[in-house]
Amino acid sequence: MSDTGGGAAVLTLDHPPANALSNAAVRELTTALNTLAAGPNAPALVLTGAGERFFCAGGDIKEAGAYDAESMVERMTAFHALLCALEDFPRPLVCAVNGWCVGGGIEIALFADVVYASPQARFVFPEIDRGLLPAVKGIARVRTVLGDRAARRLLLGGEPVDALDAQAVGIVDHVVEQGELLAVATARARAAAAKPPAVFAALKRALRTGSAGRAAAAQLRTTIADSRRVFDDPAARAAREAWND
């Protein structure tokens, strides 16, 4: 991880040659996210991949080839924990997709607050052709973000889409030239980091848990607790006072 200043840092998936998600990489990424989230001054994060060909090649197929069923269960349990760490991260989370984004890489990107991609980026869920499955939490996220028809197209079809098609279906928010990708994503992370952290965290928590099916009483309890927390937060108070001035 590299600190870029301005309250933002870059976390790079660096597992040559294709930034595949080995068991070790999954554990390291999960630990990094949880450690940062628990700290007093967690930065806004930009997630990207090393090099220009791959953001993330998904699960490490060579490693998976040696698994038995129980090993795969352990692997999927660890990956589920990574998706939970992404979902629960209270600070701004920006993805800079610099190349191929495969399987679990798409699941990771869809838990970001904003996704930038280079024109060279390609997105594919190959699991249906490889005899594997994405995580159910990831599948649910695909359907929530993209809608049922696009989710079926990608998950059941197994065909790659380019950056512009990915933007059209909702995987990507902005397509940016490769040479500008990391700088633009980092600038967005810094801008988000400048917003009151307590407010940002409360909004992300509400977006995560405030579904229409949630009991009204539970929604009210969260509203009251978050309102108290934000009202007493110094940064939120400063933002209110600046607005009033």
C-alpha atoms as a PDB file:
ATOM      1  CA  MET A   1       0.000   0.000   0.000  1.00  0.00           C
ATOM      2  CA  SER A   2       1.275   3.491  -0.836  1.00  0.00           C
ATOM      3  CA  ASP A   3       0.156   6.704   0.861  1.00  0.00           C
ATOM      4  CA  THR A   4      -0.604   9.363  -1.755  1.00  0.00           C
ATOM      5  CA  GLY A   5      -1.358  12.164   0.709  1.00  0.00           C
ATOM      6  CA  GLY A   6      -4.623  14.011   1.060  1.00  0.00           C
ATOM      7  CA  GLY A   7      -6.119  11.228   3.149  1.00  0.00           C
ATOM      8  CA  ALA A   8      -5.902   8.663   0.336  1.00  0.00           C
ATOM      9  CA  ALA A   9      -3.815   5.557  -0.296  1.00  0.00           C
ATOM     10  CA  VAL A  10      -3.381   3.106  -3.170  1.00  0.00           C
ATOM     11  CA  LEU A  11      -3.693  -0.624  -2.503  1.00  0.00           C
ATOM     12  CA  THR A  12      -2.265  -2.615  -5.431  1.00  0.00           C
ATOM     13  CA  LEU A  13      -3.028  -6.229  -6.323  1.00  0.00           C
ATOM     14  CA  ASP A  14       0.447  -7.442  -7.227  1.00  0.00           C
ATOM     15  CA  HIS A  15       0.586 -11.171  -7.897  1.00  0.00           C
ATOM     16  CA  PRO A  16       2.398 -11.792 -11.220  1.00  0.00           C
ATOM     17  CA  PRO A  17       1.720 -12.618 -13.920  1.00  0.00           C
ATOM     18  CA  ALA A  18      -2.020 -11.860 -13.788  1.00  0.00           C
ATOM     19  CA  ASN A  19      -2.803 -10.637 -10.254  1.00  0.00           C
ATOM     20  CA  ALA A  20      -4.772 -13.813  -9.553  1.00  0.00           C
ATOM     21  CA  LEU A  21      -6.451 -14.186  -6.189  1.00  0.00           C
ATOM     22  CA  SER A  22      -4.379 -16.850  -4.487  1.00  0.00           C
ATOM     23  CA  ASN A  23      -5.343 -17.869  -0.970  1.00  0.00           C
ATOM     24  CA  ALA A  24      -2.478 -15.767   0.365  1.00  0.00           C
ATOM     25  CA  ALA A  25      -3.565 -12.728  -1.668  1.00  0.00           C
ATOM     26  CA  VAL A  26      -7.152 -13.044  -0.414  1.00  0.00           C
ATOM     27  CA  ARG A  27      -5.996 -13.243   3.207  1.00  0.00           C
ATOM     28  CA  GLU A  28      -3.588 -10.316   2.839  1.00  0.00           C
ATOM     29  CA  LEU A  29      -6.198  -8.083   1.222  1.00  0.00           C
ATOM     30  CA  THR A  30      -8.811  -8.959   3.836  1.00  0.00           C
ATOM     31  CA  THR A  31      -6.381  -8.278   6.679  1.00  0.00           C
ATOM     32  CA  ALA A  32      -5.335  -4.955   5.164  1.00  0.00           C
ATOM     33  CA  LEU A  33      -8.937  -3.777   4.786  1.00  0.00           C
ATOM     34  CA  ASN A  34      -9.978  -4.854   8.281  1.00  0.00           C
ATOM     35  CA  THR A  35      -6.866  -3.350   9.891  1.00  0.00           C
ATOM     36  CA  LEU A  36      -7.355  -0.022   8.123  1.00  0.00           C
ATOM     37  CA  ALA A  37     -11.070   0.045   8.924  1.00  0.00           C
ATOM     38  CA  ALA A  38     -10.371  -0.489  12.637  1.00  0.00           C
ATOM     39  CA  GLY A  39      -7.763   2.280  12.815  1.00  0.00           C
ATOM     40  CA  PRO A  40      -8.470   5.847  13.940  1.00  0.00           C
ATOM     41  CA  ASN A  41      -7.422   7.489  10.658  1.00  0.00           C
ATOM     42  CA  ALA A  42      -8.412   5.076   7.918  1.00  0.00           C
ATOM     43  CA  PRO A  43      -7.641   6.541   4.480  1.00  0.00           C
ATOM     44  CA  ALA A  44      -9.769   6.570   1.384  1.00  0.00           C
ATOM     45  CA  LEU A  45      -8.559   3.661  -0.739  1.00  0.00           C
ATOM     46  CA  VAL A  46      -7.874   3.203  -4.422  1.00  0.00           C
ATOM     47  CA  LEU A  47      -7.730  -0.455  -5.456  1.00  0.00           C
ATOM     48  CA  THR A  48      -5.827  -1.213  -8.658  1.00  0.00           C
ATOM     49  CA  GLY A  49      -3.729  -3.921 -10.251  1.00  0.00           C
ATOM     50  CA  ALA A  50      -0.011  -4.009 -10.981  1.00  0.00           C
ATOM     51  CA  GLY A  51       0.909  -3.600 -14.636  1.00  0.00           C
ATOM     52  CA  GLU A  52      -1.402  -2.745 -17.524  1.00  0.00           C
ATOM     53  CA  ARG A  53      -2.746  -6.135 -18.675  1.00  0.00           C
ATOM     54  CA  PHE A  54      -4.609  -7.317 -15.576  1.00  0.00           C
ATOM     55  CA  PHE A  55      -6.538  -5.710 -12.774  1.00  0.00           C
ATOM     56  CA  CYS A  56      -7.319  -9.148 -11.392  1.00  0.00           C
ATOM     57  CA  ALA A  57      -7.532 -12.561 -13.081  1.00  0.00           C
ATOM     58  CA  GLY A  58      -9.959 -13.877 -10.472  1.00  0.00           C
ATOM     59  CA  GLY A  59      -9.280 -17.038  -8.517  1.00  0.00           C
ATOM     60  CA  ASP A  60      -5.894 -18.706  -8.954  1.00  0.00           C
ATOM     61  CA  ILE A  61      -6.809 -21.603 -11.270  1.00  0.00           C
ATOM     62  CA  LYS A  62      -3.423 -23.345 -10.863  1.00  0.00           C
ATOM     63  CA  GLU A  63      -3.858 -23.291  -7.110  1.00  0.00           C
ATOM     64  CA  ALA A  64      -7.475 -24.450  -7.379  1.00  0.00           C
ATOM     65  CA  GLY A  65      -6.415 -27.414  -9.517  1.00  0.00           C
ATOM     66  CA  ALA A  66      -4.928 -29.048  -6.428  1.00  0.00           C
ATOM     67  CA  TYR A  67      -8.032 -28.562  -4.276  1.00  0.00           C
ATOM     68  CA  ASP A  68     -10.447 -31.143  -2.998  1.00  0.00           C
ATOM     69  CA  ALA A  69     -14.013 -30.162  -2.040  1.00  0.00           C
ATOM     70  CA  GLU A  70     -13.055 -29.196   1.514  1.00  0.00           C
ATOM     71  CA  SER A  71     -10.184 -27.031   0.309  1.00  0.00           C
ATOM     72  CA  MET A  72     -12.589 -25.231  -2.006  1.00  0.00           C
ATOM     73  CA  VAL A  73     -14.961 -24.631   0.910  1.00  0.00           C
ATOM     74  CA  GLU A  74     -12.126 -23.040   2.878  1.00  0.00           C
ATOM     75  CA  ARG A  75     -11.193 -20.948  -0.141  1.00  0.00           C
ATOM     76  CA  MET A  76     -14.758 -19.700  -0.680  1.00  0.00           C
ATOM     77  CA  THR A  77     -15.154 -18.958   3.034  1.00  0.00           C
ATOM     78  CA  ALA A  78     -12.031 -16.770   2.890  1.00  0.00           C
ATOM     79  CA  PHE A  79     -13.241 -14.992  -0.249  1.00  0.00           C
ATOM     80  CA  HIS A  80     -16.639 -14.358   1.356  1.00  0.00           C
ATOM     81  CA  ALA A  81     -14.780 -12.702   4.252  1.00  0.00           C
ATOM     82  CA  LEU A  82     -12.950 -10.479   1.744  1.00  0.00           C
ATOM     83  CA  LEU A  83     -16.238  -9.358   0.179  1.00  0.00           C
ATOM     84  CA  CYS A  84     -17.579  -8.596   3.663  1.00  0.00           C
ATOM     85  CA  ALA A  85     -14.473  -6.514   4.427  1.00  0.00           C
ATOM     86  CA  LEU A  86     -15.010  -4.548   1.206  1.00  0.00           C
ATOM     87  CA  GLU A  87     -18.698  -4.051   1.933  1.00  0.00           C
ATOM     88  CA  ASP A  88     -18.051  -2.932   5.513  1.00  0.00           C
ATOM     89  CA  PHE A  89     -15.145  -0.582   4.744  1.00  0.00           C
ATOM     90  CA  PRO A  90     -16.350   2.752   6.169  1.00  0.00           C
ATOM     91  CA  ARG A  91     -14.185   5.078   4.091  1.00  0.00           C
ATOM     92  CA  PRO A  92     -14.260   5.942   0.363  1.00  0.00           C
ATOM     93  CA  LEU A  93     -13.356   2.959  -1.816  1.00  0.00           C
ATOM     94  CA  VAL A  94     -12.439   3.594  -5.467  1.00  0.00           C
ATOM     95  CA  CYS A  95     -11.456   0.957  -8.050  1.00  0.00           C
ATOM     96  CA  ALA A  96      -9.089   1.719 -10.925  1.00  0.00           C
ATOM     97  CA  VAL A  97      -9.481  -1.213 -13.326  1.00  0.00           C
ATOM     98  CA  ASN A  98      -6.378  -1.136 -15.497  1.00  0.00           C
ATOM     99  CA  GLY A  99      -6.847  -4.314 -17.561  1.00  0.00           C
ATOM    100  CA  TRP A 100      -8.640  -7.649 -17.541  1.00  0.00           C
ATOM    101  CA  CYS A 101     -11.082  -7.967 -14.635  1.00  0.00           C
ATOM    102  CA  VAL A 102     -12.109 -11.595 -14.260  1.00  0.00           C
ATOM    103  CA  GLY A 103     -14.566 -13.383 -11.961  1.00  0.00           C
ATOM    104  CA  GLY A 104     -13.736 -12.408  -8.404  1.00  0.00           C
ATOM    105  CA  GLY A 105     -12.127  -9.237  -9.709  1.00  0.00           C
ATOM    106  CA  ILE A 106     -15.561  -8.049 -10.863  1.00  0.00           C
ATOM    107  CA  GLU A 107     -17.038  -8.988  -7.495  1.00  0.00           C
ATOM    108  CA  ILE A 108     -14.368  -6.869  -5.791  1.00  0.00           C
ATOM    109  CA  ALA A 109     -14.996  -3.914  -8.103  1.00  0.00           C
ATOM    110  CA  LEU A 110     -18.751  -3.989  -7.532  1.00  0.00           C
ATOM    111  CA  PHE A 111     -18.246  -3.393  -3.807  1.00  0.00           C
ATOM    112  CA  ALA A 112     -16.370  -0.139  -4.525  1.00  0.00           C
ATOM    113  CA  ASP A 113     -18.132   3.212  -4.248  1.00  0.00           C
ATOM    114  CA  VAL A 114     -16.827   4.309  -7.670  1.00  0.00           C
ATOM    115  CA  VAL A 115     -15.234   2.295 -10.482  1.00  0.00           C
ATOM    116  CA  TYR A 116     -12.933   3.799 -13.122  1.00  0.00           C
ATOM    117  CA  ALA A 117     -11.653   1.686 -16.010  1.00  0.00           C
ATOM    118  CA  SER A 118      -9.223   2.140 -18.857  1.00  0.00           C
ATOM    119  CA  PRO A 119     -10.434   1.564 -22.431  1.00  0.00           C
ATOM    120  CA  GLN A 120      -8.268  -1.575 -22.438  1.00  0.00           C
ATOM    121  CA  ALA A 121     -10.200  -3.136 -19.541  1.00  0.00           C
ATOM    122  CA  ARG A 122     -12.241  -6.274 -20.196  1.00  0.00           C
ATOM    123  CA  PHE A 123     -14.737  -7.921 -17.850  1.00  0.00           C
ATOM    124  CA  VAL A 124     -15.783 -11.571 -17.784  1.00  0.00           C
ATOM    125  CA  PHE A 125     -17.278 -14.193 -15.467  1.00  0.00           C
ATOM    126  CA  PRO A 126     -15.685 -17.392 -16.856  1.00  0.00           C
ATOM    127  CA  GLU A 127     -16.798 -19.693 -14.036  1.00  0.00           C
ATOM    128  CA  ILE A 128     -19.610 -21.305 -16.012  1.00  0.00           C
ATOM    129  CA  ASP A 129     -17.058 -22.586 -18.541  1.00  0.00           C
ATOM    130  CA  ARG A 130     -14.452 -23.559 -15.938  1.00  0.00           C
ATOM    131  CA  GLY A 131     -16.605 -25.701 -13.667  1.00  0.00           C
ATOM    132  CA  LEU A 132     -16.449 -23.184 -10.826  1.00  0.00           C
ATOM    133  CA  LEU A 133     -18.830 -20.839  -9.019  1.00  0.00           C
ATOM    134  CA  PRO A 134     -18.614 -17.207  -7.905  1.00  0.00           C
ATOM    135  CA  ALA A 135     -19.421 -16.488  -4.274  1.00  0.00           C
ATOM    136  CA  VAL A 136     -23.148 -16.183  -3.609  1.00  0.00           C
ATOM    137  CA  LYS A 137     -22.498 -12.821  -1.943  1.00  0.00           C
ATOM    138  CA  GLY A 138     -20.797 -11.706  -5.142  1.00  0.00           C
ATOM    139  CA  ILE A 139     -23.652 -13.020  -7.294  1.00  0.00           C
ATOM    140  CA  ALA A 140     -26.141 -11.121  -5.139  1.00  0.00           C
ATOM    141  CA  ARG A 141     -24.091  -7.961  -5.560  1.00  0.00           C
ATOM    142  CA  VAL A 142     -23.992  -8.401  -9.348  1.00  0.00           C
ATOM    143  CA  ARG A 143     -27.775  -8.684  -9.437  1.00  0.00           C
ATOM    144  CA  THR A 144     -28.291  -5.732  -7.074  1.00  0.00           C
ATOM    145  CA  VAL A 145     -25.992  -3.385  -8.986  1.00  0.00           C
ATOM    146  CA  LEU A 146     -26.623  -4.505 -12.571  1.00  0.00           C
ATOM    147  CA  GLY A 147     -30.167  -5.843 -12.456  1.00  0.00           C
ATOM    148  CA  ASP A 148     -31.414  -9.322 -13.253  1.00  0.00           C
ATOM    149  CA  ARG A 149     -31.060  -9.308 -17.047  1.00  0.00           C
ATOM    150  CA  ALA A 150     -27.472  -8.040 -17.121  1.00  0.00           C
ATOM    151  CA  ALA A 151     -26.535 -10.409 -14.281  1.00  0.00           C
ATOM    152  CA  ARG A 152     -27.906 -13.377 -16.243  1.00  0.00           C
ATOM    153  CA  ARG A 153     -26.114 -12.263 -19.384  1.00  0.00           C
ATOM    154  CA  LEU A 154     -22.736 -12.067 -17.656  1.00  0.00           C
ATOM    155  CA  LEU A 155     -22.960 -14.989 -15.228  1.00  0.00           C
ATOM    156  CA  LEU A 156     -24.731 -17.498 -17.476  1.00  0.00           C
ATOM    157  CA  GLY A 157     -23.152 -16.422 -20.762  1.00  0.00           C
ATOM    158  CA  GLY A 158     -19.522 -16.249 -19.722  1.00  0.00           C
ATOM    159  CA  GLU A 159     -18.695 -13.828 -22.531  1.00  0.00           C
ATOM    160  CA  PRO A 160     -16.332 -10.860 -22.016  1.00  0.00           C
ATOM    161  CA  VAL A 161     -17.477  -7.256 -22.347  1.00  0.00           C
ATOM    162  CA  ASP A 162     -15.331  -4.204 -23.027  1.00  0.00           C
ATOM    163  CA  ALA A 163     -15.070  -1.095 -20.870  1.00  0.00           C
ATOM    164  CA  LEU A 164     -17.834   0.836 -22.641  1.00  0.00           C
ATOM    165  CA  ASP A 165     -20.230  -2.111 -22.478  1.00  0.00           C
ATOM    166  CA  ALA A 166     -19.317  -2.533 -18.809  1.00  0.00           C
ATOM    167  CA  GLN A 167     -20.154   1.133 -18.284  1.00  0.00           C
ATOM    168  CA  ALA A 168     -23.479   0.673 -20.058  1.00  0.00           C
ATOM    169  CA  VAL A 169     -24.540  -2.228 -17.808  1.00  0.00           C
ATOM    170  CA  GLY A 170     -23.302  -0.534 -14.620  1.00  0.00           C
ATOM    171  CA  ILE A 171     -20.038  -2.259 -13.677  1.00  0.00           C
ATOM    172  CA  VAL A 172     -18.028   0.882 -14.490  1.00  0.00           C
ATOM    173  CA  ASP A 173     -18.832   4.503 -13.681  1.00  0.00           C
ATOM    174  CA  HIS A 174     -16.179   6.237 -15.815  1.00  0.00           C
ATOM    175  CA  VAL A 175     -13.843   5.187 -18.633  1.00  0.00           C
ATOM    176  CA  VAL A 176     -10.501   7.032 -18.444  1.00  0.00           C
ATOM    177  CA  GLU A 177      -7.362   6.764 -20.568  1.00  0.00           C
ATOM    178  CA  GLN A 178      -4.816   4.333 -19.152  1.00  0.00           C
ATOM    179  CA  GLY A 179      -2.191   7.009 -18.538  1.00  0.00           C
ATOM    180  CA  GLU A 180      -4.623   9.093 -16.482  1.00  0.00           C
ATOM    181  CA  LEU A 181      -6.470   6.279 -14.729  1.00  0.00           C
ATOM    182  CA  LEU A 182      -4.669   6.142 -11.391  1.00  0.00           C
ATOM    183  CA  ALA A 183      -4.351   9.934 -11.083  1.00  0.00           C
ATOM    184  CA  VAL A 184      -8.069  10.462 -11.741  1.00  0.00           C
ATOM    185  CA  ALA A 185      -9.089   7.685  -9.340  1.00  0.00           C
ATOM    186  CA  THR A 186      -6.767   9.035  -6.640  1.00  0.00           C
ATOM    187  CA  ALA A 187      -8.124  12.559  -7.067  1.00  0.00           C
ATOM    188  CA  ARG A 188     -11.641  11.197  -6.591  1.00  0.00           C
ATOM    189  CA  ALA A 189     -10.545   9.334  -3.452  1.00  0.00           C
ATOM    190  CA  ARG A 190      -8.926  12.476  -2.014  1.00  0.00           C
ATOM    191  CA  ALA A 191     -12.060  14.534  -2.694  1.00  0.00           C
ATOM    192  CA  ALA A 192     -14.190  11.924  -0.938  1.00  0.00           C
ATOM    193  CA  ALA A 193     -11.703  11.680   1.946  1.00  0.00           C
ATOM    194  CA  ALA A 194     -12.226  15.405   2.621  1.00  0.00           C
ATOM    195  CA  LYS A 195     -15.889  14.843   3.444  1.00  0.00           C
ATOM    196  CA  PRO A 196     -16.849  14.307   7.126  1.00  0.00           C
ATOM    197  CA  PRO A 197     -15.882  10.674   7.861  1.00  0.00           C
ATOM    198  CA  ALA A 198     -18.744  10.030  10.280  1.00  0.00           C
ATOM    199  CA  VAL A 199     -21.289  11.167   7.703  1.00  0.00           C
ATOM    200  CA  PHE A 200     -19.646   9.135   4.950  1.00  0.00           C
ATOM    201  CA  ALA A 201     -19.585   6.000   7.114  1.00  0.00           C
ATOM    202  CA  ALA A 202     -23.204   6.441   8.184  1.00  0.00           C
ATOM    203  CA  LEU A 203     -24.351   6.847   4.579  1.00  0.00           C
ATOM    204  CA  LYS A 204     -22.449   3.746   3.468  1.00  0.00           C
ATOM    205  CA  ARG A 205     -23.915   1.781   6.367  1.00  0.00           C
ATOM    206  CA  ALA A 206     -27.441   2.924   5.451  1.00  0.00           C
ATOM    207  CA  LEU A 207     -26.902   2.057   1.793  1.00  0.00           C
ATOM    208  CA  ARG A 208     -25.738  -1.389   2.872  1.00  0.00           C
ATOM    209  CA  THR A 209     -28.510  -2.163   5.353  1.00  0.00           C
ATOM    210  CA  GLY A 210     -31.395   0.181   4.535  1.00  0.00           C
ATOM    211  CA  SER A 211     -33.268  -2.079   2.119  1.00  0.00           C
ATOM    212  CA  ALA A 212     -36.997  -1.678   1.647  1.00  0.00           C
ATOM    213  CA  GLY A 213     -37.615  -5.011   3.343  1.00  0.00           C
ATOM    214  CA  ARG A 214     -35.929  -3.987   6.562  1.00  0.00           C
ATOM    215  CA  ALA A 215     -38.228  -3.501   9.544  1.00  0.00           C
ATOM    216  CA  ALA A 216     -39.225   0.126  10.118  1.00  0.00           C
ATOM    217  CA  ALA A 217     -38.287  -0.104  13.800  1.00  0.00           C
ATOM    218  CA  ALA A 218     -34.758  -1.233  12.912  1.00  0.00           C
ATOM    219  CA  GLN A 219     -34.454   1.594  10.399  1.00  0.00           C
ATOM    220  CA  LEU A 220     -35.494   4.097  13.070  1.00  0.00           C
ATOM    221  CA  ARG A 221     -32.951   2.729  15.568  1.00  0.00           C
ATOM    222  CA  THR A 222     -30.174   3.122  13.007  1.00  0.00           C
ATOM    223  CA  THR A 223     -31.353   6.627  12.092  1.00  0.00           C
ATOM    224  CA  ILE A 224     -31.306   7.730  15.738  1.00  0.00           C
ATOM    225  CA  ALA A 225     -27.911   6.171  16.492  1.00  0.00           C
ATOM    226  CA  ASP A 226     -26.292   7.622  13.363  1.00  0.00           C
ATOM    227  CA  SER A 227     -27.841  11.043  13.948  1.00  0.00           C
ATOM    228  CA  ARG A 228     -26.345  11.203  17.441  1.00  0.00           C
ATOM    229  CA  ARG A 229     -22.953  10.052  16.196  1.00  0.00           C
ATOM    230  CA  VAL A 230     -22.871  12.564  13.337  1.00  0.00           C
ATOM    231  CA  PHE A 231     -24.202  15.457  15.431  1.00  0.00           C
ATOM    232  CA  ASP A 232     -21.376  14.999  17.952  1.00  0.00           C
ATOM    233  CA  ASP A 233     -18.648  14.452  15.350  1.00  0.00           C
ATOM    234  CA  PRO A 234     -16.232  17.426  15.091  1.00  0.00           C
ATOM    235  CA  ALA A 235     -15.755  17.183  11.319  1.00  0.00           C
ATOM    236  CA  ALA A 236     -19.501  16.980  10.709  1.00  0.00           C
ATOM    237  CA  ARG A 237     -20.050  19.941  13.012  1.00  0.00           C
ATOM    238  CA  ALA A 238     -17.425  21.948  11.126  1.00  0.00           C
ATOM    239  CA  ALA A 239     -19.149  21.134   7.829  1.00  0.00           C
ATOM    240  CA  ARG A 240     -22.504  22.338   9.207  1.00  0.00           C
ATOM    241  CA  GLU A 241     -20.978  25.527  10.503  1.00  0.00           C
ATOM    242  CA  ALA A 242     -19.243  26.215   7.175  1.00  0.00           C
ATOM    243  CA  TRP A 243     -22.533  25.701   5.349  1.00  0.00           C
ATOM    244  CA  ASN A 244     -24.330  28.086   7.716  1.00  0.00           C
ATOM    245  CA  ASP A 245     -21.648  30.711   7.205  1.00  0.00           C
END
